[in-house]
Amino acid sequence: MKIAIMTQPLGKNYGGIMQAFALQKVLRDMGHEAVTVDYNSKQPGFLYSKARLAYRLAKKVTGKRKAAINFEKNIGFFTQDNQNFIDSNIIQSKYIDNDRDLKKHFKKNKYQAVIVGSDQTWRPKYSPNIYNYYLNFLVNRKKIKRIAYASSFGVDNWEYSAEETKKCAKLAILFDAISVREQSGIELCKKHLGVDSECVLDPTMLLDKEDYLELIGDRYKEGKSEGVYTYFLDSNEDKVTAAQYVADKLNTHTYKCQAKRSLDDLSSKDLNDYRIPDVQDWLASFANAEFILTDSFHGMVFSIIFGKPFLVIANKERGSARFESLLKILSLDSRLISSSYGVDSGNLNGIDWIKVNKNLLNEREKSLSFISNFI
């Protein structure tokens, strides 16, 4: 079957890249022809761009910004290594940035099914055009199967406006099957969209550890796990201090695999400070760690996949429901802490990996059955 995958734009986020890689690999291993649609909403208009330019100039003049005024034009340089991975490992369509071309693409390619997912595709603040992720461009194409796989709202409260809710509910009932990534998503679907759904695993967890080790290659140091690996999306002094505390307790060091500065930190003139390390190095950092401390959903996921002792700090601004749901399913509730102050010597070990992996295999079987049953 020829299948299109609609997910969020790839490039900046490791988790987003890996879930796209995993879902496409699963579908292709099943014998399907899967293509990830390279879609992003059109860039802001002229007036918005001029306003942003004026804001940057003001920051520059007052000395609050060291990065160049045209800093954003270097995104391709910052994400070059990630893009190389995407180009080599994920089959994508041509780039599309508007509804008209999106409709043309689907009409021309004659897909038999389209899968929306995964990651926070159904979270309005994260998706470029929320209606596109409910397939509004296919309203008159009745022969195409519509499936949501592990779509996530990110949070357990409803963030849609009244108008968005009304329009998305009408589109949701056209889906042949809907699955969500968190248990809370089942209730949100029923209450606000009027549709039934089931909870499945994030696509990254449908693959085995060995699938990722194959990508890592000789970067994996088998039998030589050492160091406390930190993967923070929202780093701060408290989290860094907590990581050092863990390292001291384990008599080791801390390390990370991220750009020196985030794209929100414009305090450096050196463009290399913003360059993102490649995906394989990021994966190897999990595989080679002795312990992992993270505030990222996919940071948590890969800690589990590689069987590493870990703690995840709840990231309420980005949505904590997704952490809670997966950890509960896998009997890992104790690994979630509300803040960096929750780190202590009593929760650095004690994971029953036999039980965890048994639960994971059961959930993986259910999730793969959902895909095979509806494709």
Protein backbone atom coordinates (compact mmCIF):
# COMPACT_ATOMS: atom_id res chain seq x y z
CA MET A 1 0.00 0.00 0.00
CA LYS A 2 1.21 3.51 -0.80
CA ILE A 3 1.12 5.53 2.44
CA ALA A 4 1.77 9.19 3.22
CA ILE A 5 2.92 10.21 6.70
CA MET A 6 1.95 13.66 7.97
CA THR A 7 4.14 14.78 10.85
CA GLN A 8 5.64 18.03 12.11
CA PRO A 9 8.57 19.66 10.28
CA LEU A 10 11.82 17.76 10.76
CA GLY A 11 15.28 19.15 11.38
CA LYS A 12 15.70 20.84 14.75
CA ASN A 13 14.36 18.20 17.14
CA TYR A 14 15.99 14.80 17.65
CA GLY A 15 12.82 13.17 18.98
CA GLY A 16 10.78 14.40 16.04
CA ILE A 17 13.34 13.02 13.59
CA MET A 18 13.55 9.64 15.29
CA GLN A 19 9.78 9.09 15.55
CA ALA A 20 9.50 9.86 11.82
CA PHE A 21 12.34 7.46 11.05
CA ALA A 22 10.83 4.71 13.19
CA LEU A 23 7.26 4.93 11.84
CA GLN A 24 8.46 4.89 8.25
CA LYS A 25 10.78 1.94 8.93
CA VAL A 26 7.97 -0.05 10.57
CA LEU A 27 5.66 0.55 7.60
CA ARG A 28 8.35 -0.31 5.07
CA ASP A 29 9.30 -3.47 7.00
CA MET A 30 5.63 -4.45 6.69
CA GLY A 31 5.99 -4.16 2.93
CA HIS A 32 4.32 -0.79 2.38
CA GLU A 33 5.58 2.14 0.31
CA ALA A 34 5.76 4.91 2.89
CA VAL A 35 6.63 8.54 2.21
CA THR A 36 6.93 11.29 4.84
CA VAL A 37 5.41 14.54 3.58
CA ASP A 38 7.97 17.34 3.87
CA TYR A 39 5.47 19.98 4.93
CA ASN A 40 5.78 23.25 6.80
CA SER A 41 3.39 26.16 6.93
CA LYS A 42 4.28 29.24 4.90
CA GLN A 43 6.61 31.72 6.57
CA PRO A 44 5.15 34.88 8.24
CA GLY A 45 4.06 37.73 5.99
CA PHE A 46 5.83 40.96 5.08
CA LEU A 47 4.50 43.10 7.94
CA TYR A 48 5.34 40.46 10.56
CA SER A 49 8.87 40.10 9.15
CA LYS A 50 9.40 43.89 9.27
CA ALA A 51 8.20 44.04 12.87
CA ARG A 52 10.57 41.23 13.83
CA LEU A 53 13.45 43.02 12.11
CA ALA A 54 12.73 46.23 14.04
CA TYR A 55 12.67 44.23 17.29
CA ARG A 56 16.03 42.63 16.53
CA LEU A 57 17.59 45.96 15.65
CA ALA A 58 16.42 47.44 18.94
CA LYS A 59 17.97 44.53 20.84
CA LYS A 60 21.19 44.90 18.88
CA VAL A 61 21.44 48.63 19.53
CA THR A 62 20.92 48.19 23.28
CA GLY A 63 23.57 45.45 23.41
CA LYS A 64 21.11 42.73 24.43
CA ARG A 65 21.70 40.75 21.24
CA LYS A 66 25.10 39.65 19.90
CA ALA A 67 23.82 37.32 17.18
CA ALA A 68 23.53 38.76 13.68
CA ILE A 69 20.28 40.40 12.60
CA ASN A 70 19.82 37.75 9.89
CA PHE A 71 20.60 34.94 12.37
CA GLU A 72 17.56 32.87 11.32
CA LYS A 73 18.92 32.54 7.77
CA ASN A 74 21.57 30.19 9.17
CA ILE A 75 19.12 27.50 10.31
CA GLY A 76 20.28 25.28 7.46
CA PHE A 77 23.84 25.47 8.77
CA PHE A 78 22.81 24.78 12.36
CA THR A 79 20.79 21.69 11.37
CA GLN A 80 23.04 20.46 8.57
CA ASP A 81 24.03 17.20 10.29
CA ASN A 82 20.43 16.41 11.17
CA GLN A 83 19.41 17.12 7.59
CA ASN A 84 22.09 14.76 6.33
CA PHE A 85 20.61 12.02 8.52
CA ILE A 86 17.09 12.77 7.27
CA ASP A 87 18.22 12.73 3.64
CA SER A 88 19.97 9.39 4.12
CA ASN A 89 17.39 7.61 6.26
CA ILE A 90 13.91 9.06 5.69
CA ILE A 91 12.14 9.08 2.33
CA GLN A 92 10.42 12.43 1.93
CA SER A 93 8.24 14.17 -0.60
CA LYS A 94 9.30 17.42 -2.21
CA TYR A 95 9.06 20.43 0.11
CA ILE A 96 5.52 21.83 0.49
CA ASP A 97 4.55 25.04 2.31
CA ASN A 98 0.89 25.71 1.44
CA ASP A 99 -2.53 24.06 1.22
CA ARG A 100 -2.78 24.32 -2.54
CA ASP A 101 0.44 22.42 -3.16
CA LEU A 102 -0.48 19.95 -0.43
CA LYS A 103 -3.72 19.12 -2.27
CA LYS A 104 -1.88 18.84 -5.58
CA HIS A 105 0.69 16.51 -4.05
CA PHE A 106 -1.94 14.10 -2.75
CA LYS A 107 -3.92 14.21 -5.98
CA LYS A 108 -0.83 13.49 -8.06
CA ASN A 109 0.63 10.70 -5.92
CA LYS A 110 -2.56 8.70 -5.41
CA TYR A 111 -1.86 7.56 -1.86
CA GLN A 112 -4.09 4.79 -0.57
CA ALA A 113 -3.70 5.84 3.05
CA VAL A 114 -2.36 8.71 5.12
CA ILE A 115 -1.12 8.43 8.69
CA VAL A 116 -1.00 11.45 10.97
CA GLY A 117 1.67 11.04 13.60
CA SER A 118 3.40 10.91 15.78
CA ASP A 119 4.64 13.40 18.37
CA GLN A 120 2.52 16.44 19.30
CA THR A 121 0.82 16.68 15.91
CA TRP A 122 -2.53 17.46 17.52
CA ARG A 123 -1.26 20.25 19.76
CA PRO A 124 -2.27 23.59 18.17
CA LYS A 125 0.67 25.58 19.54
CA TYR A 126 3.16 23.10 18.03
CA SER A 127 1.57 22.33 14.65
CA PRO A 128 1.99 24.85 11.80
CA ASN A 129 -1.67 24.47 10.72
CA ILE A 130 -3.73 22.28 13.03
CA TYR A 131 -6.42 21.62 10.39
CA ASN A 132 -3.84 20.07 8.06
CA TYR A 133 -3.12 17.48 10.74
CA TYR A 134 -6.79 16.53 10.70
CA LEU A 135 -6.45 16.19 6.90
CA ASN A 136 -8.70 19.09 5.90
CA PHE A 137 -7.17 18.96 2.43
CA LEU A 138 -8.71 15.50 1.86
CA VAL A 139 -12.35 16.24 2.69
CA ASN A 140 -13.51 15.19 -0.79
CA ARG A 141 -11.17 12.21 -1.12
CA LYS A 142 -13.26 9.40 0.38
CA LYS A 143 -11.17 6.51 -0.91
CA ILE A 144 -8.05 7.39 1.10
CA LYS A 145 -7.76 5.73 4.49
CA ARG A 146 -7.26 8.23 7.30
CA ILE A 147 -5.38 7.00 10.35
CA ALA A 148 -3.91 8.77 13.36
CA TYR A 149 -1.00 6.89 14.91
CA ALA A 150 0.12 8.02 18.38
CA SER A 151 -0.99 11.59 17.78
CA SER A 152 -0.41 13.61 20.91
CA PHE A 153 -2.10 16.62 22.49
CA GLY A 154 0.97 16.90 24.72
CA VAL A 155 -1.07 17.90 27.77
CA ASP A 156 -4.11 16.55 29.57
CA ASN A 157 -6.14 19.77 29.21
CA TRP A 158 -7.86 21.09 26.07
CA GLU A 159 -5.91 23.88 24.33
CA TYR A 160 -8.11 24.33 21.23
CA SER A 161 -10.27 27.39 20.66
CA ALA A 162 -14.02 26.90 20.19
CA GLU A 163 -13.65 27.33 16.43
CA GLU A 164 -10.73 24.89 16.24
CA THR A 165 -12.67 22.35 18.27
CA LYS A 166 -15.71 22.57 16.01
CA LYS A 167 -13.73 22.24 12.78
CA CYS A 168 -11.42 19.49 14.04
CA ALA A 169 -14.32 17.45 15.41
CA LYS A 170 -15.92 17.42 11.95
CA LEU A 171 -12.66 16.25 10.44
CA ALA A 172 -11.91 13.68 13.14
CA ILE A 173 -15.07 11.66 12.47
CA LEU A 174 -13.80 11.07 8.92
CA PHE A 175 -10.84 9.06 10.25
CA ASP A 176 -10.92 5.27 9.85
CA ALA A 177 -8.92 4.76 13.04
CA ILE A 178 -7.45 6.98 15.74
CA SER A 179 -4.77 6.22 18.27
CA VAL A 180 -3.10 8.58 20.70
CA ARG A 181 0.17 8.51 22.61
CA GLU A 182 -1.19 9.18 26.09
CA GLN A 183 -4.07 7.71 28.09
CA SER A 184 -5.35 11.24 28.70
CA GLY A 185 -5.69 11.66 24.94
CA ILE A 186 -8.45 9.03 24.85
CA GLU A 187 -10.65 11.18 27.09
CA LEU A 188 -9.82 14.37 25.17
CA CYS A 189 -10.78 12.70 21.88
CA LYS A 190 -14.08 11.48 23.30
CA LYS A 191 -15.04 14.65 25.15
CA HIS A 192 -14.01 17.29 22.62
CA LEU A 193 -13.85 15.55 19.25
CA GLY A 194 -16.59 12.98 19.77
CA VAL A 195 -14.45 10.05 18.58
CA ASP A 196 -13.11 6.85 20.09
CA SER A 197 -9.39 6.14 20.20
CA GLU A 198 -6.83 3.85 21.79
CA CYS A 199 -3.45 4.41 23.37
CA VAL A 200 -0.35 3.15 21.55
CA LEU A 201 3.42 3.50 21.86
CA ASP A 202 5.45 6.29 20.33
CA PRO A 203 6.88 4.94 17.03
CA THR A 204 10.44 5.00 18.41
CA MET A 205 9.46 2.21 20.81
CA LEU A 206 8.27 -0.06 18.01
CA LEU A 207 11.90 -0.74 17.07
CA ASP A 208 14.45 -2.77 19.00
CA LYS A 209 17.61 -1.52 20.64
CA GLU A 210 19.55 -3.30 17.88
CA ASP A 211 17.89 -1.14 15.20
CA TYR A 212 19.40 1.94 16.81
CA LEU A 213 22.76 0.33 17.48
CA GLU A 214 22.96 -0.34 13.74
CA LEU A 215 22.57 3.40 13.14
CA ILE A 216 25.17 4.25 15.79
CA GLY A 217 27.80 1.87 14.42
CA ASP A 218 31.25 2.12 15.96
CA ARG A 219 30.21 5.06 18.13
CA TYR A 220 28.77 2.46 20.54
CA LYS A 221 31.26 1.47 23.26
CA GLU A 222 29.93 -1.94 24.24
CA GLY A 223 30.56 -2.85 27.86
CA LYS A 224 32.07 0.56 28.64
CA SER A 225 29.12 2.55 29.96
CA GLU A 226 30.26 5.59 31.88
CA GLY A 227 29.18 9.10 32.74
CA VAL A 228 25.92 10.86 33.52
CA TYR A 229 24.39 11.93 30.23
CA THR A 230 22.20 15.02 30.43
CA TYR A 231 19.66 15.86 27.76
CA PHE A 232 17.77 19.00 28.77
CA LEU A 233 15.42 20.89 26.48
CA ASP A 234 15.11 23.60 29.12
CA SER A 235 18.42 23.65 30.93
CA ASN A 236 18.98 25.71 34.07
CA GLU A 237 21.43 25.91 36.93
CA ASP A 238 19.36 23.63 39.18
CA LYS A 239 19.30 20.83 36.61
CA VAL A 240 23.03 21.12 35.98
CA THR A 241 23.66 20.99 39.73
CA ALA A 242 21.43 17.92 40.07
CA ALA A 243 23.36 16.16 37.31
CA GLN A 244 26.65 16.88 39.03
CA TYR A 245 25.20 15.51 42.27
CA VAL A 246 24.37 12.24 40.51
CA ALA A 247 27.83 12.10 38.93
CA ASP A 248 29.48 12.61 42.32
CA LYS A 249 27.39 9.82 43.84
CA LEU A 250 28.35 7.48 40.99
CA ASN A 251 31.98 8.64 41.04
CA THR A 252 31.87 9.67 37.38
CA HIS A 253 31.43 12.75 35.17
CA THR A 254 28.62 14.50 33.31
CA TYR A 255 28.39 15.06 29.57
CA LYS A 256 25.91 16.21 26.95
CA CYS A 257 25.39 16.10 23.19
CA GLN A 258 23.70 19.36 22.22
CA ALA A 259 24.56 22.64 20.59
CA LYS A 260 26.56 24.92 22.91
CA ARG A 261 23.71 27.42 22.78
CA SER A 262 20.01 27.03 22.05
CA LEU A 263 18.42 28.91 19.16
CA ASP A 264 16.65 31.07 21.76
CA ASP A 265 19.97 32.24 23.20
CA LEU A 266 21.22 35.03 20.94
CA SER A 267 24.19 36.03 23.09
CA SER A 268 26.93 34.67 20.82
CA LYS A 269 28.40 35.86 17.53
CA ASP A 270 29.92 32.45 16.76
CA LEU A 271 27.55 30.47 14.52
CA ASN A 272 29.28 27.22 15.47
CA ASP A 273 27.87 27.62 18.99
CA TYR A 274 24.42 26.89 17.54
CA ARG A 275 25.32 23.91 15.37
CA ILE A 276 23.42 20.78 16.41
CA PRO A 277 25.43 17.52 16.74
CA ASP A 278 24.42 14.69 14.41
CA VAL A 279 21.72 12.17 15.24
CA GLN A 280 24.08 9.20 15.57
CA ASP A 281 26.18 10.99 18.19
CA TRP A 282 22.99 11.87 20.07
CA LEU A 283 21.85 8.24 20.05
CA ALA A 284 25.31 7.01 21.05
CA SER A 285 25.21 9.31 24.07
CA PHE A 286 22.28 7.29 25.43
CA ALA A 287 23.79 3.94 24.50
CA ASN A 288 27.10 4.72 26.21
CA ALA A 289 25.75 6.32 29.40
CA GLU A 290 25.96 4.93 32.90
CA PHE A 291 23.01 7.10 34.01
CA ILE A 292 20.71 9.58 32.25
CA LEU A 293 19.03 12.72 33.56
CA THR A 294 16.58 14.42 31.18
CA ASP A 295 13.50 16.62 30.90
CA SER A 296 12.66 15.37 27.40
CA PHE A 297 9.99 12.83 26.42
CA HIS A 298 12.21 11.19 23.83
CA GLY A 299 15.16 11.48 26.19
CA MET A 300 13.11 9.31 28.54
CA VAL A 301 12.13 6.97 25.71
CA PHE A 302 15.70 6.27 24.61
CA SER A 303 16.80 5.78 28.20
CA ILE A 304 14.24 2.98 28.35
CA ILE A 305 15.13 1.54 24.93
CA PHE A 306 18.81 1.29 25.88
CA GLY A 307 17.98 0.02 29.37
CA LYS A 308 19.75 2.78 31.26
CA PRO A 309 19.03 3.92 34.83
CA PHE A 310 17.41 7.33 34.50
CA LEU A 311 15.36 10.08 36.04
CA VAL A 312 13.11 12.41 34.07
CA ILE A 313 12.25 15.86 35.35
CA ALA A 314 8.64 16.80 34.60
CA ASN A 315 8.48 19.44 31.89
CA LYS A 316 5.11 21.03 32.67
CA GLU A 317 5.41 23.83 30.12
CA ARG A 318 5.93 21.33 27.32
CA GLY A 319 3.36 18.89 28.75
CA SER A 320 3.84 16.27 31.48
CA ALA A 321 0.91 13.98 30.61
CA ARG A 322 3.03 12.16 28.02
CA PHE A 323 5.67 11.34 30.65
CA GLU A 324 3.16 10.10 33.20
CA SER A 325 1.23 7.91 30.76
CA LEU A 326 4.20 5.95 29.41
CA LEU A 327 5.91 5.54 32.78
CA LYS A 328 2.71 4.19 34.33
CA ILE A 329 2.22 1.67 31.52
CA LEU A 330 5.78 0.39 31.96
CA SER A 331 5.71 0.42 35.81
CA LEU A 332 8.34 3.17 35.94
CA ASP A 333 6.33 5.80 37.82
CA SER A 334 9.12 6.35 40.34
CA ARG A 335 11.48 7.63 37.64
CA LEU A 336 9.48 10.86 37.20
CA ILE A 337 10.35 13.72 39.55
CA SER A 338 8.63 17.09 39.74
CA SER A 339 11.84 19.13 39.85
CA SER A 340 15.61 18.78 39.98
CA TYR A 341 15.32 18.89 43.78
CA GLY A 342 13.77 15.41 43.61
CA VAL A 343 17.11 13.85 42.76
CA ASP A 344 18.61 11.91 45.67
CA SER A 345 20.76 8.85 46.20
CA GLY A 346 17.71 6.69 46.85
CA ASN A 347 16.38 6.87 43.28
CA LEU A 348 19.53 6.36 41.23
CA ASN A 349 19.00 2.64 40.68
CA GLY A 350 16.38 -0.01 41.38
CA ILE A 351 14.79 -0.52 37.94
CA ASP A 352 13.38 -4.00 37.32
CA TRP A 353 14.28 -4.21 33.63
CA ILE A 354 12.82 -7.72 33.25
CA LYS A 355 9.40 -6.37 34.24
CA VAL A 356 9.82 -3.19 32.19
CA ASN A 357 10.83 -5.05 29.02
CA LYS A 358 7.97 -7.51 29.43
CA ASN A 359 5.50 -4.63 29.62
CA LEU A 360 7.20 -2.94 26.67
CA LEU A 361 6.95 -6.03 24.49
CA ASN A 362 3.25 -6.38 25.31
CA GLU A 363 2.57 -2.76 24.41
CA ARG A 364 4.65 -3.01 21.27
CA GLU A 365 2.61 -6.00 20.12
CA LYS A 366 -0.64 -4.08 20.68
CA SER A 367 0.68 -1.04 18.85
CA LEU A 368 1.91 -3.01 15.85
CA SER A 369 -1.44 -4.80 15.72
CA PHE A 370 -3.20 -1.43 15.52
CA ILE A 371 -1.14 -0.53 12.46
CA SER A 372 -1.53 -3.87 10.71
CA ASN A 373 -5.27 -4.03 11.45
CA PHE A 374 -6.08 -0.68 9.87
CA ILE A 375 -3.64 -0.50 6.97
